[in-house]
Amino acid sequence: MAKVSAVEIRVGNLIEWDKRVWRVLKCYHVHVGGRGGAFMQVEMKDIEAGTKTNQRFRTEDKVERAYVDTREMQYLYQESDRYVFMDHQNYEQLSLSAEFLEGQTGFL
């Protein structure tokens, strides 16, 4: 994992914060006039628990960026609110909830 500056956080990034891995849902730079300084306002979701939180990072803060191995998978079918994918290499199937896919189901 690598530390990145808070201003480098982008939507879709996975970051490690508070001993958990979070997916960035929204982020924007906020500049407060005077001595307040600037900060990044980040809305993120815990990928395990599914809880959302808003966190402010000062622009000079560093955060751990989590890297994950990506695999190409084929979308097979939908089963109620779950979507089933198949790994091309070993033919294993993986079922993901619609909530986990965060509105990306229209692209399947």
N, C-alpha and C. Protein backbone atom coordinates (compact mmCIF):
# COMPACT_ATOMS: atom_id res chain seq x y z
N MET A 1 0.84 -1.18 0.00
CA MET A 1 0.00 0.00 0.00
C MET A 1 0.88 1.24 0.00
N ALA A 2 0.37 2.29 -0.56
CA ALA A 2 1.13 3.52 -0.68
C ALA A 2 0.37 4.67 -0.05
N LYS A 3 1.12 5.56 0.55
CA LYS A 3 0.50 6.76 1.11
C LYS A 3 0.36 7.79 0.00
N VAL A 4 -0.82 8.40 -0.05
CA VAL A 4 -1.06 9.46 -1.02
C VAL A 4 -1.57 10.69 -0.28
N SER A 5 -1.36 11.83 -0.88
CA SER A 5 -1.86 13.07 -0.31
C SER A 5 -3.38 13.10 -0.40
N ALA A 6 -4.01 13.75 0.54
CA ALA A 6 -5.48 13.81 0.57
C ALA A 6 -6.04 14.43 -0.70
N VAL A 7 -5.31 15.34 -1.33
CA VAL A 7 -5.82 15.96 -2.56
C VAL A 7 -5.79 15.01 -3.75
N GLU A 8 -5.14 13.85 -3.60
CA GLU A 8 -5.08 12.86 -4.67
C GLU A 8 -6.20 11.83 -4.56
N ILE A 9 -7.05 11.93 -3.55
CA ILE A 9 -8.15 10.99 -3.39
C ILE A 9 -9.17 11.24 -4.49
N ARG A 10 -9.63 10.17 -5.13
CA ARG A 10 -10.60 10.26 -6.21
C ARG A 10 -11.75 9.30 -5.96
N VAL A 11 -12.91 9.60 -6.57
CA VAL A 11 -14.07 8.73 -6.47
C VAL A 11 -13.69 7.35 -7.02
N GLY A 12 -14.07 6.31 -6.28
CA GLY A 12 -13.76 4.94 -6.70
C GLY A 12 -12.51 4.38 -6.06
N ASN A 13 -11.65 5.24 -5.49
CA ASN A 13 -10.45 4.76 -4.82
C ASN A 13 -10.82 3.94 -3.59
N LEU A 14 -9.96 3.01 -3.26
CA LEU A 14 -10.07 2.29 -2.00
C LEU A 14 -8.98 2.82 -1.09
N ILE A 15 -9.36 3.26 0.10
CA ILE A 15 -8.38 3.77 1.05
C ILE A 15 -8.51 3.02 2.37
N GLU A 16 -7.39 2.93 3.07
CA GLU A 16 -7.39 2.32 4.39
C GLU A 16 -7.40 3.46 5.40
N TRP A 17 -8.42 3.47 6.24
CA TRP A 17 -8.57 4.51 7.25
C TRP A 17 -9.25 3.88 8.45
N ASP A 18 -8.78 4.19 9.64
CA ASP A 18 -9.36 3.67 10.87
C ASP A 18 -9.39 2.14 10.87
N LYS A 19 -8.32 1.53 10.36
CA LYS A 19 -8.14 0.07 10.33
C LYS A 19 -9.19 -0.66 9.50
N ARG A 20 -9.79 0.04 8.54
CA ARG A 20 -10.80 -0.57 7.66
C ARG A 20 -10.53 -0.11 6.23
N VAL A 21 -11.10 -0.83 5.28
CA VAL A 21 -10.96 -0.45 3.87
C VAL A 21 -12.26 0.21 3.43
N TRP A 22 -12.13 1.40 2.85
CA TRP A 22 -13.28 2.21 2.45
C TRP A 22 -13.22 2.50 0.96
N ARG A 23 -14.39 2.55 0.31
CA ARG A 23 -14.50 2.97 -1.08
C ARG A 23 -14.99 4.41 -1.10
N VAL A 24 -14.30 5.25 -1.84
CA VAL A 24 -14.66 6.67 -1.92
C VAL A 24 -15.86 6.84 -2.85
N LEU A 25 -16.94 7.41 -2.31
CA LEU A 25 -18.16 7.64 -3.09
C LEU A 25 -18.20 9.05 -3.67
N LYS A 26 -17.81 10.03 -2.86
CA LYS A 26 -17.78 11.43 -3.29
C LYS A 26 -16.58 12.09 -2.63
N CYS A 27 -16.00 13.03 -3.31
CA CYS A 27 -14.94 13.83 -2.68
C CYS A 27 -14.87 15.18 -3.38
N TYR A 28 -14.63 16.19 -2.58
CA TYR A 28 -14.48 17.51 -3.14
C TYR A 28 -13.58 18.35 -2.26
N HIS A 29 -12.92 19.30 -2.90
CA HIS A 29 -11.97 20.19 -2.25
C HIS A 29 -12.74 21.39 -1.71
N VAL A 30 -12.52 21.72 -0.45
CA VAL A 30 -13.19 22.87 0.17
C VAL A 30 -12.11 23.83 0.65
N HIS A 31 -12.23 25.08 0.23
CA HIS A 31 -11.28 26.10 0.67
C HIS A 31 -12.02 27.08 1.57
N VAL A 32 -11.56 27.19 2.79
CA VAL A 32 -12.15 28.11 3.75
C VAL A 32 -11.27 29.35 3.77
N GLY A 33 -11.87 30.51 3.60
CA GLY A 33 -11.11 31.75 3.58
C GLY A 33 -10.44 32.03 4.92
N GLY A 34 -9.48 32.90 4.88
CA GLY A 34 -8.78 33.27 6.11
C GLY A 34 -7.79 32.20 6.53
N ARG A 35 -7.74 31.96 7.83
CA ARG A 35 -6.76 31.02 8.36
C ARG A 35 -7.30 29.59 8.46
N GLY A 36 -8.51 29.38 8.01
CA GLY A 36 -9.10 28.05 8.12
C GLY A 36 -8.39 26.98 7.32
N GLY A 37 -7.80 27.37 6.21
CA GLY A 37 -7.10 26.40 5.38
C GLY A 37 -8.06 25.61 4.51
N ALA A 38 -7.50 24.75 3.69
CA ALA A 38 -8.30 23.94 2.77
C ALA A 38 -8.34 22.50 3.28
N PHE A 39 -9.37 21.79 2.85
CA PHE A 39 -9.47 20.38 3.20
C PHE A 39 -10.24 19.63 2.13
N MET A 40 -10.18 18.32 2.20
CA MET A 40 -10.93 17.45 1.31
C MET A 40 -12.08 16.85 2.11
N GLN A 41 -13.29 17.01 1.61
CA GLN A 41 -14.47 16.40 2.22
C GLN A 41 -14.72 15.11 1.45
N VAL A 42 -14.69 13.97 2.15
CA VAL A 42 -14.78 12.67 1.49
C VAL A 42 -15.94 11.87 2.08
N GLU A 43 -16.84 11.43 1.21
CA GLU A 43 -17.89 10.50 1.62
C GLU A 43 -17.41 9.12 1.20
N MET A 44 -17.40 8.18 2.14
CA MET A 44 -16.89 6.85 1.84
C MET A 44 -17.71 5.77 2.51
N LYS A 45 -17.57 4.56 1.98
CA LYS A 45 -18.35 3.43 2.46
C LYS A 45 -17.42 2.28 2.82
N ASP A 46 -17.62 1.71 4.00
CA ASP A 46 -16.86 0.56 4.45
C ASP A 46 -17.25 -0.63 3.56
N ILE A 47 -16.28 -1.26 2.90
CA ILE A 47 -16.63 -2.31 1.96
C ILE A 47 -17.05 -3.61 2.65
N GLU A 48 -16.72 -3.78 3.92
CA GLU A 48 -17.16 -4.99 4.64
C GLU A 48 -18.49 -4.77 5.33
N ALA A 49 -18.60 -3.73 6.13
CA ALA A 49 -19.81 -3.50 6.93
C ALA A 49 -20.90 -2.78 6.16
N GLY A 50 -20.53 -2.04 5.12
CA GLY A 50 -21.52 -1.31 4.34
C GLY A 50 -21.92 0.02 4.93
N THR A 51 -21.28 0.44 6.01
CA THR A 51 -21.61 1.71 6.64
C THR A 51 -20.96 2.87 5.88
N LYS A 52 -21.63 4.00 5.86
CA LYS A 52 -21.11 5.19 5.19
C LYS A 52 -20.67 6.21 6.24
N THR A 53 -19.70 7.01 5.88
CA THR A 53 -19.25 8.09 6.75
C THR A 53 -18.72 9.23 5.90
N ASN A 54 -18.71 10.41 6.49
CA ASN A 54 -18.09 11.59 5.88
C ASN A 54 -16.86 11.93 6.71
N GLN A 55 -15.77 12.19 6.05
CA GLN A 55 -14.53 12.48 6.75
C GLN A 55 -13.85 13.67 6.09
N ARG A 56 -13.29 14.54 6.90
CA ARG A 56 -12.51 15.67 6.40
C ARG A 56 -11.04 15.36 6.57
N PHE A 57 -10.30 15.55 5.50
CA PHE A 57 -8.85 15.40 5.55
C PHE A 57 -8.24 16.75 5.19
N ARG A 58 -7.26 17.18 5.97
CA ARG A 58 -6.54 18.39 5.59
C ARG A 58 -5.75 18.09 4.32
N THR A 59 -5.51 19.10 3.53
CA THR A 59 -4.84 18.86 2.24
C THR A 59 -3.44 18.29 2.42
N GLU A 60 -2.81 18.55 3.54
CA GLU A 60 -1.46 18.02 3.77
C GLU A 60 -1.47 16.62 4.39
N ASP A 61 -2.64 16.10 4.76
CA ASP A 61 -2.73 14.75 5.33
C ASP A 61 -2.37 13.70 4.29
N LYS A 62 -1.86 12.57 4.78
CA LYS A 62 -1.55 11.42 3.92
C LYS A 62 -2.47 10.28 4.34
N VAL A 63 -2.98 9.54 3.36
CA VAL A 63 -3.82 8.38 3.63
C VAL A 63 -3.26 7.18 2.87
N GLU A 64 -3.52 5.99 3.42
CA GLU A 64 -3.08 4.76 2.77
C GLU A 64 -4.05 4.42 1.65
N ARG A 65 -3.54 4.23 0.47
CA ARG A 65 -4.38 3.79 -0.64
C ARG A 65 -4.29 2.28 -0.72
N ALA A 66 -5.43 1.61 -0.66
CA ALA A 66 -5.46 0.15 -0.71
C ALA A 66 -5.49 -0.30 -2.16
N TYR A 67 -4.69 -1.27 -2.48
CA TYR A 67 -4.69 -1.84 -3.82
C TYR A 67 -5.27 -3.24 -3.75
N VAL A 68 -6.04 -3.57 -4.74
CA VAL A 68 -6.64 -4.90 -4.79
C VAL A 68 -6.28 -5.53 -6.13
N ASP A 69 -6.23 -6.85 -6.14
CA ASP A 69 -6.00 -7.56 -7.39
C ASP A 69 -7.28 -7.55 -8.19
N THR A 70 -7.18 -7.20 -9.44
CA THR A 70 -8.36 -7.20 -10.30
C THR A 70 -8.38 -8.47 -11.13
N ARG A 71 -9.58 -8.95 -11.37
CA ARG A 71 -9.76 -10.14 -12.20
C ARG A 71 -10.87 -9.85 -13.20
N GLU A 72 -10.69 -10.33 -14.40
CA GLU A 72 -11.74 -10.18 -15.40
C GLU A 72 -12.76 -11.27 -15.18
N MET A 73 -14.02 -10.85 -15.07
CA MET A 73 -15.10 -11.80 -14.84
C MET A 73 -16.23 -11.52 -15.82
N GLN A 74 -17.02 -12.54 -16.06
CA GLN A 74 -18.15 -12.41 -16.97
C GLN A 74 -19.44 -12.40 -16.16
N TYR A 75 -20.30 -11.45 -16.48
CA TYR A 75 -21.62 -11.39 -15.84
C TYR A 75 -22.47 -12.53 -16.40
N LEU A 76 -23.07 -13.33 -15.49
CA LEU A 76 -23.89 -14.45 -15.93
C LEU A 76 -25.37 -14.16 -15.84
N TYR A 77 -25.85 -13.85 -14.62
CA TYR A 77 -27.29 -13.65 -14.44
C TYR A 77 -27.56 -12.95 -13.12
N GLN A 78 -28.82 -12.50 -12.98
CA GLN A 78 -29.27 -11.87 -11.75
C GLN A 78 -30.18 -12.85 -11.02
N GLU A 79 -29.99 -12.94 -9.71
CA GLU A 79 -30.80 -13.81 -8.86
C GLU A 79 -31.34 -12.96 -7.73
N SER A 80 -32.59 -12.55 -7.80
CA SER A 80 -33.24 -11.58 -6.90
C SER A 80 -32.40 -10.30 -6.86
N ASP A 81 -31.83 -9.92 -5.70
CA ASP A 81 -31.04 -8.68 -5.63
C ASP A 81 -29.54 -8.95 -5.70
N ARG A 82 -29.15 -10.12 -6.19
CA ARG A 82 -27.74 -10.49 -6.29
C ARG A 82 -27.38 -10.72 -7.76
N TYR A 83 -26.13 -10.43 -8.09
CA TYR A 83 -25.63 -10.57 -9.45
C TYR A 83 -24.50 -11.59 -9.44
N VAL A 84 -24.56 -12.54 -10.35
CA VAL A 84 -23.60 -13.64 -10.37
C VAL A 84 -22.61 -13.44 -11.52
N PHE A 85 -21.32 -13.57 -11.20
CA PHE A 85 -20.23 -13.41 -12.16
C PHE A 85 -19.40 -14.68 -12.17
N MET A 86 -18.69 -14.93 -13.28
CA MET A 86 -17.82 -16.10 -13.38
C MET A 86 -16.41 -15.66 -13.74
N ASP A 87 -15.44 -16.22 -13.02
CA ASP A 87 -14.03 -15.97 -13.29
C ASP A 87 -13.64 -16.75 -14.55
N HIS A 88 -12.99 -16.07 -15.52
CA HIS A 88 -12.61 -16.71 -16.78
C HIS A 88 -11.53 -17.77 -16.61
N GLN A 89 -10.68 -17.61 -15.61
CA GLN A 89 -9.53 -18.51 -15.48
C GLN A 89 -9.88 -19.83 -14.80
N ASN A 90 -10.67 -19.78 -13.72
CA ASN A 90 -10.94 -21.01 -12.98
C ASN A 90 -12.42 -21.37 -12.91
N TYR A 91 -13.26 -20.60 -13.57
CA TYR A 91 -14.70 -20.84 -13.67
C TYR A 91 -15.44 -20.77 -12.33
N GLU A 92 -14.84 -20.17 -11.33
CA GLU A 92 -15.52 -19.97 -10.05
C GLU A 92 -16.57 -18.89 -10.22
N GLN A 93 -17.68 -19.04 -9.48
CA GLN A 93 -18.74 -18.05 -9.55
C GLN A 93 -18.73 -17.20 -8.29
N LEU A 94 -19.05 -15.92 -8.46
CA LEU A 94 -19.07 -14.97 -7.37
C LEU A 94 -20.39 -14.23 -7.41
N SER A 95 -21.06 -14.15 -6.27
CA SER A 95 -22.35 -13.47 -6.18
C SER A 95 -22.17 -12.16 -5.40
N LEU A 96 -22.59 -11.05 -6.00
CA LEU A 96 -22.47 -9.74 -5.36
C LEU A 96 -23.84 -9.10 -5.24
N SER A 97 -24.05 -8.39 -4.14
CA SER A 97 -25.34 -7.72 -3.92
C SER A 97 -25.43 -6.45 -4.77
N ALA A 98 -26.65 -6.04 -5.04
CA ALA A 98 -26.87 -4.80 -5.79
C ALA A 98 -26.32 -3.61 -5.02
N GLU A 99 -26.42 -3.66 -3.70
CA GLU A 99 -25.89 -2.58 -2.86
C GLU A 99 -24.38 -2.46 -3.02
N PHE A 100 -23.68 -3.59 -3.10
CA PHE A 100 -22.23 -3.58 -3.26
C PHE A 100 -21.83 -2.97 -4.60
N LEU A 101 -22.63 -3.20 -5.62
CA LEU A 101 -22.31 -2.70 -6.95
C LEU A 101 -22.58 -1.20 -7.11
N GLU A 102 -23.26 -0.59 -6.13
CA GLU A 102 -23.43 0.87 -6.06
C GLU A 102 -23.93 1.51 -7.36
N GLY A 103 -25.03 1.03 -7.90
CA GLY A 103 -25.61 1.68 -9.06
C GLY A 103 -24.93 1.36 -10.38
N GLN A 104 -24.01 0.44 -10.40
CA GLN A 104 -23.30 0.09 -11.63
C GLN A 104 -24.02 -1.01 -12.42
N THR A 105 -25.15 -1.49 -11.90
CA THR A 105 -25.84 -2.62 -12.52
C THR A 105 -26.37 -2.28 -13.91
N GLY A 106 -26.61 -1.04 -14.20
CA GLY A 106 -27.08 -0.65 -15.53
C GLY A 106 -26.04 -0.87 -16.62
N PHE A 107 -24.78 -1.05 -16.24
CA PHE A 107 -23.72 -1.25 -17.21
C PHE A 107 -23.44 -2.72 -17.49
N LEU A 108 -24.15 -3.61 -16.81
CA LEU A 108 -23.91 -5.05 -17.01
C LEU A 108 -24.52 -5.54 -18.30
